C-alpha atoms as a PDB file:
ATOM      1  CA  MET A   1     -63.849 -26.620 133.510  1.00  0.00           C
ATOM      2  CA  GLY A   2     -60.435 -26.197 132.771  1.00  0.00           C
ATOM      3  CA  VAL A   3     -57.900 -27.151 135.082  1.00  0.00           C
ATOM      4  CA  ALA A   4     -54.654 -25.147 134.922  1.00  0.00           C
ATOM      5  CA  ALA A   5     -51.016 -26.477 137.336  1.00  0.00           C
ATOM      6  CA  HIS A   6     -47.786 -25.071 137.909  1.00  0.00           C
ATOM      7  CA  THR A   7     -45.313 -27.493 138.545  1.00  0.00           C
ATOM      8  CA  VAL A   8     -41.827 -26.784 139.794  1.00  0.00           C
ATOM      9  CA  ALA A   9     -38.247 -28.583 138.040  1.00  0.00           C
ATOM     10  CA  ILE A  10     -35.267 -28.372 139.260  1.00  0.00           C
ATOM     11  CA  ILE A  11     -32.305 -28.489 136.480  1.00  0.00           C
ATOM     12  CA  GLU A  12     -28.755 -27.768 136.665  1.00  0.00           C
ATOM     13  CA  GLY A  13     -30.059 -26.130 139.948  1.00  0.00           C
ATOM     14  CA  VAL A  14     -32.644 -23.537 138.439  1.00  0.00           C
ATOM     15  CA  ILE A  15     -35.941 -24.133 139.201  1.00  0.00           C
ATOM     16  CA  VAL A  16     -38.048 -24.174 136.124  1.00  0.00           C
ATOM     17  CA  LYS A  17     -41.678 -23.602 136.552  1.00  0.00           C
ATOM     18  CA  VAL A  18     -44.462 -25.547 134.518  1.00  0.00           C
ATOM     19  CA  LEU A  19     -47.873 -24.403 133.722  1.00  0.00           C
ATOM     20  CA  VAL A  20     -50.011 -26.734 132.338  1.00  0.00           C
ATOM     21  CA  ALA A  21     -53.627 -25.595 131.213  1.00  0.00           C
ATOM     22  CA  ASP A  22     -56.165 -28.559 129.800  1.00  0.00           C
ATOM     23  CA  ASP A  23     -59.929 -29.450 130.658  1.00  0.00           C
ATOM     24  CA  ASP A  24     -60.548 -32.778 129.838  1.00  0.00           C
ATOM     25  CA  VAL A  25     -59.938 -34.738 132.592  1.00  0.00           C
ATOM     26  CA  MET A  26     -58.087 -38.273 130.848  1.00  0.00           C
ATOM     27  CA  ALA A  27     -55.808 -35.661 129.512  1.00  0.00           C
ATOM     28  CA  ARG A  28     -54.593 -34.103 132.719  1.00  0.00           C
ATOM     29  CA  ALA A  29     -54.986 -37.374 134.736  1.00  0.00           C
ATOM     30  CA  MET A  30     -52.339 -38.340 132.248  1.00  0.00           C
ATOM     31  CA  LEU A  31     -50.230 -34.807 132.446  1.00  0.00           C
ATOM     32  CA  GLN A  32     -50.621 -34.888 135.708  1.00  0.00           C
ATOM     33  CA  ALA A  33     -49.535 -38.693 136.151  1.00  0.00           C
ATOM     34  CA  ALA A  34     -46.717 -38.042 133.868  1.00  0.00           C
ATOM     35  CA  LEU A  35     -45.068 -34.567 135.698  1.00  0.00           C
ATOM     36  CA  THR A  36     -45.478 -36.347 139.107  1.00  0.00           C
ATOM     37  CA  ASP A  37     -43.839 -39.732 137.492  1.00  0.00           C
ATOM     38  CA  ALA A  38     -40.916 -37.261 136.479  1.00  0.00           C
ATOM     39  CA  GLY A  39     -41.005 -35.561 139.583  1.00  0.00           C
ATOM     40  CA  HIS A  40     -42.691 -32.925 139.191  1.00  0.00           C
ATOM     41  CA  GLU A  41     -44.782 -30.970 141.634  1.00  0.00           C
ATOM     42  CA  VAL A  42     -48.198 -30.411 140.605  1.00  0.00           C
ATOM     43  CA  ILE A  43     -50.889 -28.042 142.059  1.00  0.00           C
ATOM     44  CA  VAL A  44     -54.041 -27.790 140.734  1.00  0.00           C
ATOM     45  CA  ALA A  45     -55.953 -24.619 139.365  1.00  0.00           C
ATOM     46  CA  VAL A  46     -58.808 -23.446 137.064  1.00  0.00           C
ATOM     47  CA  ASP A  47     -59.244 -22.651 133.625  1.00  0.00           C
ATOM     48  CA  GLY A  48     -57.619 -20.751 130.259  1.00  0.00           C
ATOM     49  CA  SER A  49     -58.604 -17.304 132.429  1.00  0.00           C
ATOM     50  CA  GLN A  50     -56.799 -18.859 135.382  1.00  0.00           C
ATOM     51  CA  ALA A  51     -53.626 -19.815 133.509  1.00  0.00           C
ATOM     52  CA  TRP A  52     -52.494 -16.572 132.240  1.00  0.00           C
ATOM     53  CA  GLU A  53     -53.870 -14.670 135.664  1.00  0.00           C
ATOM     54  CA  LEU A  54     -50.704 -17.803 136.948  1.00  0.00           C
ATOM     55  CA  LEU A  55     -48.657 -16.721 133.529  1.00  0.00           C
ATOM     56  CA  SER A  56     -49.118 -13.026 134.297  1.00  0.00           C
ATOM     57  CA  GLN A  57     -48.569 -13.024 137.713  1.00  0.00           C
ATOM     58  CA  ASP A  58     -45.382 -15.712 138.202  1.00  0.00           C
ATOM     59  CA  ARG A  59     -42.305 -13.822 136.763  1.00  0.00           C
ATOM     60  CA  ALA A  60     -40.111 -16.977 137.421  1.00  0.00           C
ATOM     61  CA  LEU A  61     -43.359 -18.936 135.183  1.00  0.00           C
ATOM     62  CA  SER A  62     -41.642 -20.017 132.049  1.00  0.00           C
ATOM     63  CA  LEU A  63     -42.376 -23.238 130.078  1.00  0.00           C
ATOM     64  CA  ALA A  64     -46.172 -23.703 129.861  1.00  0.00           C
ATOM     65  CA  VAL A  65     -48.170 -26.825 128.552  1.00  0.00           C
ATOM     66  CA  VAL A  66     -51.799 -25.548 126.954  1.00  0.00           C
ATOM     67  CA  ASP A  67     -54.574 -27.234 125.473  1.00  0.00           C
ATOM     68  CA  TRP A  68     -55.688 -25.803 122.555  1.00  0.00           C
ATOM     69  CA  MET A  69     -59.587 -25.976 123.253  1.00  0.00           C
ATOM     70  CA  MET A  70     -60.585 -24.980 126.743  1.00  0.00           C
ATOM     71  CA  PRO A  71     -63.402 -22.517 128.002  1.00  0.00           C
ATOM     72  CA  GLY A  72     -62.032 -18.798 129.325  1.00  0.00           C
ATOM     73  CA  LEU A  73     -58.785 -18.163 127.279  1.00  0.00           C
ATOM     74  CA  ASP A  74     -57.923 -21.146 124.428  1.00  0.00           C
ATOM     75  CA  GLY A  75     -54.571 -21.962 124.241  1.00  0.00           C
ATOM     76  CA  ILE A  76     -53.851 -19.665 120.890  1.00  0.00           C
ATOM     77  CA  ALA A  77     -55.395 -16.970 122.768  1.00  0.00           C
ATOM     78  CA  LEU A  78     -52.963 -17.405 125.685  1.00  0.00           C
ATOM     79  CA  CYS A  79     -50.178 -18.483 123.859  1.00  0.00           C
ATOM     80  CA  ARG A  80     -50.844 -14.698 122.003  1.00  0.00           C
ATOM     81  CA  LYS A  81     -51.402 -13.039 125.474  1.00  0.00           C
ATOM     82  CA  ALA A  82     -48.668 -14.543 126.864  1.00  0.00           C
ATOM     83  CA  ARG A  83     -46.003 -13.435 124.257  1.00  0.00           C
ATOM     84  CA  THR A  84     -46.714  -9.757 125.251  1.00  0.00           C
ATOM     85  CA  LEU A  85     -45.519 -10.612 128.452  1.00  0.00           C
ATOM     86  CA  PRO A  86     -41.714  -8.976 129.346  1.00  0.00           C
ATOM     87  CA  ARG A  87     -40.596 -12.280 129.339  1.00  0.00           C
ATOM     88  CA  GLU A  88     -40.081 -15.531 127.302  1.00  0.00           C
ATOM     89  CA  VAL A  89     -41.857 -18.575 127.927  1.00  0.00           C
ATOM     90  CA  TYR A  90     -41.596 -21.805 126.014  1.00  0.00           C
ATOM     91  CA  ILE A  91     -44.957 -23.007 125.091  1.00  0.00           C
ATOM     92  CA  ILE A  92     -46.059 -26.061 123.986  1.00  0.00           C
ATOM     93  CA  LEU A  93     -49.908 -26.547 122.554  1.00  0.00           C
ATOM     94  CA  LEU A  94     -51.400 -29.648 123.112  1.00  0.00           C
ATOM     95  CA  THR A  95     -54.238 -30.960 120.718  1.00  0.00           C
ATOM     96  CA  SER A  96     -56.165 -33.147 118.749  1.00  0.00           C
ATOM     97  CA  ARG A  97     -56.474 -30.839 115.486  1.00  0.00           C
ATOM     98  CA  ASP A  98     -53.305 -32.320 113.619  1.00  0.00           C
ATOM     99  CA  SER A  99     -54.044 -30.572 110.061  1.00  0.00           C
ATOM    100  CA  GLU A 100     -51.111 -28.945 108.354  1.00  0.00           C
ATOM    101  CA  TYR A 101     -52.770 -25.786 108.881  1.00  0.00           C
ATOM    102  CA  ASP A 102     -53.698 -26.263 112.158  1.00  0.00           C
ATOM    103  CA  ILE A 103     -49.893 -26.556 113.128  1.00  0.00           C
ATOM    104  CA  ILE A 104     -49.292 -23.716 111.114  1.00  0.00           C
ATOM    105  CA  SER A 105     -52.181 -21.170 112.375  1.00  0.00           C
ATOM    106  CA  ALA A 106     -50.028 -22.823 115.913  1.00  0.00           C
ATOM    107  CA  ILE A 107     -46.712 -21.752 115.323  1.00  0.00           C
ATOM    108  CA  THR A 108     -47.620 -18.646 113.572  1.00  0.00           C
ATOM    109  CA  ALA A 109     -49.398 -17.648 117.464  1.00  0.00           C
ATOM    110  CA  GLY A 110     -46.600 -18.095 119.127  1.00  0.00           C
ATOM    111  CA  VAL A 111     -46.543 -21.913 119.559  1.00  0.00           C
ATOM    112  CA  ASP A 112     -43.057 -23.453 121.012  1.00  0.00           C
ATOM    113  CA  ASP A 113     -43.950 -27.041 119.990  1.00  0.00           C
ATOM    114  CA  TYR A 114     -46.844 -28.726 119.368  1.00  0.00           C
ATOM    115  CA  ILE A 115     -48.141 -31.733 120.900  1.00  0.00           C
ATOM    116  CA  VAL A 116     -51.055 -34.223 119.288  1.00  0.00           C
ATOM    117  CA  LYS A 117     -53.322 -36.053 121.095  1.00  0.00           C
ATOM    118  CA  PRO A 118     -53.622 -39.041 121.914  1.00  0.00           C
ATOM    119  CA  PHE A 119     -49.570 -38.561 123.217  1.00  0.00           C
ATOM    120  CA  GLU A 120     -46.978 -40.734 125.268  1.00  0.00           C
ATOM    121  CA  SER A 121     -45.940 -39.589 128.495  1.00  0.00           C
ATOM    122  CA  SER A 122     -42.281 -39.714 127.616  1.00  0.00           C
ATOM    123  CA  ASP A 123     -43.012 -38.119 124.253  1.00  0.00           C
ATOM    124  CA  LEU A 124     -44.373 -34.925 126.782  1.00  0.00           C
ATOM    125  CA  SER A 125     -41.220 -35.861 129.402  1.00  0.00           C
ATOM    126  CA  ILE A 126     -38.467 -35.263 126.307  1.00  0.00           C
ATOM    127  CA  ARG A 127     -40.614 -32.271 125.273  1.00  0.00           C
ATOM    128  CA  ILE A 128     -40.329 -30.725 128.874  1.00  0.00           C
ATOM    129  CA  ARG A 129     -36.884 -31.234 129.302  1.00  0.00           C
ATOM    130  CA  ALA A 130     -35.930 -29.855 126.269  1.00  0.00           C
ATOM    131  CA  GLY A 131     -38.372 -26.836 126.840  1.00  0.00           C
ATOM    132  CA  GLN A 132     -36.206 -26.145 130.052  1.00  0.00           C
ATOM    133  CA  ARG A 133     -32.832 -26.612 128.139  1.00  0.00           C
ATOM    134  CA  ILE A 134     -34.011 -23.668 126.101  1.00  0.00           C
ATOM    135  CA  VAL A 135     -35.304 -21.617 129.223  1.00  0.00           C
ATOM    136  CA  GLN A 136     -32.214 -22.377 130.453  1.00  0.00           C
ATOM    137  CA  LEU A 137     -30.327 -21.582 127.169  1.00  0.00           C
ATOM    138  CA  ARG A 138     -32.227 -18.338 126.908  1.00  0.00           C
ATOM    139  CA  ARG A 139     -31.408 -17.176 130.872  1.00  0.00           C
ATOM    140  CA  GLU A 140     -28.200 -17.542 130.264  1.00  0.00           C
ATOM    141  CA  LEU A 141     -27.849 -15.311 126.902  1.00  0.00           C
ATOM    142  CA  ARG A 142     -29.488 -12.976 128.523  1.00  0.00           C
ATOM    143  CA  LYS A 143     -27.268 -12.764 131.008  1.00  0.00           C
ATOM    144  CA  ALA A 144     -25.159 -13.023 128.461  1.00  0.00           C
ATOM    145  CA  GLN A 145     -26.068  -9.984 126.867  1.00  0.00           C
ATOM    146  CA  LYS A 146     -26.458  -7.771 129.634  1.00  0.00           C
ATOM    147  CA  GLN A 147     -22.272  -8.375 130.613  1.00  0.00           C
ATOM    148  CA  LEU A 148     -21.498  -7.787 126.648  1.00  0.00           C
ATOM    149  CA  GLY A 149     -23.471  -4.987 126.929  1.00  0.00           C
ATOM    150  CA  SER A 150     -21.459  -3.667 130.561  1.00  0.00           C
ATOM    151  CA  ALA A 151     -18.132  -4.643 128.784  1.00  0.00           C
ATOM    152  CA  GLU A 152     -19.392  -2.354 125.769  1.00  0.00           C
ATOM    153  CA  LYS A 153     -20.325   0.497 127.903  1.00  0.00           C
ATOM    154  CA  ARG A 154     -16.887   0.036 130.048  1.00  0.00           C
ATOM    155  CA  LEU A 155     -14.959   0.056 126.763  1.00  0.00           C
ATOM    156  CA  ALA A 156     -16.382   3.712 125.552  1.00  0.00           C
ATOM    157  CA  GLU A 157     -16.014   5.130 128.958  1.00  0.00           C
ATOM    158  CA  LEU A 158     -11.901   3.671 128.840  1.00  0.00           C
ATOM    159  CA  GLU A 159     -11.499   4.929 124.842  1.00  0.00           C
ATOM    160  CA  THR A 160     -12.694   8.156 125.844  1.00  0.00           C
ATOM    161  CA  ARG A 161     -10.454   8.840 129.292  1.00  0.00           C
ATOM    162  CA  ILE A 162      -7.258   7.277 126.468  1.00  0.00           C
ATOM    163  CA  ARG A 163      -8.880   9.984 123.777  1.00  0.00           C
ATOM    164  CA  THR A 164      -8.828  12.673 126.934  1.00  0.00           C
ATOM    165  CA  ALA A 165      -5.541  11.848 127.820  1.00  0.00           C
ATOM    166  CA  ARG A 166      -4.292  12.273 124.596  1.00  0.00           C
ATOM    167  CA  GLU A 167      -5.692  14.740 123.972  1.00  0.00           C
ATOM    168  CA  ALA A 168      -4.266  16.720 127.240  1.00  0.00           C
ATOM    169  CA  LEU A 169      -0.755  14.737 126.703  1.00  0.00           C
ATOM    170  CA  GLY A 170      -1.006  16.569 122.822  1.00  0.00           C
ATOM    171  CA  GLN A 171      -1.666  20.167 124.379  1.00  0.00           C
ATOM    172  CA  GLN A 172       1.306  19.582 126.934  1.00  0.00           C
ATOM    173  CA  ASP A 173       3.708  19.286 124.208  1.00  0.00           C
END
């Protein structure tokens, strides 16, 4: 039986929700303890399929920590589905699989980071913080891109007005 949990963390005043999915009791307990110790609120749900439901329904969810092997939907399938969402989600894959082929397969599927079990809670904490920074930077980049698009549109409007005004002045001479 799998578990999905989402946690809320605040970084620089921005709420970042973290989806956690792992069916292993010990790994789940370690994840929950590490996230709780780091100040996250952990809410437990069920397997990979429910993890997908949470991910697809909660637009504010932008960071996920998922096990590779779990019932319902495995971590790679979950990652592939997440990449179809109209927003970016930073995904950290947890697994005992550590061959070069497995790592390449995971990264090719769209995983952002990869942690081999067993792992230290400090390693998880550092990677979550890095993921939070990347999520925040992606948000800032999207905002700046929108502002740039608006500025380009306004510039085009002004250029049209200037051209029209010049033409009108040229016709009056």
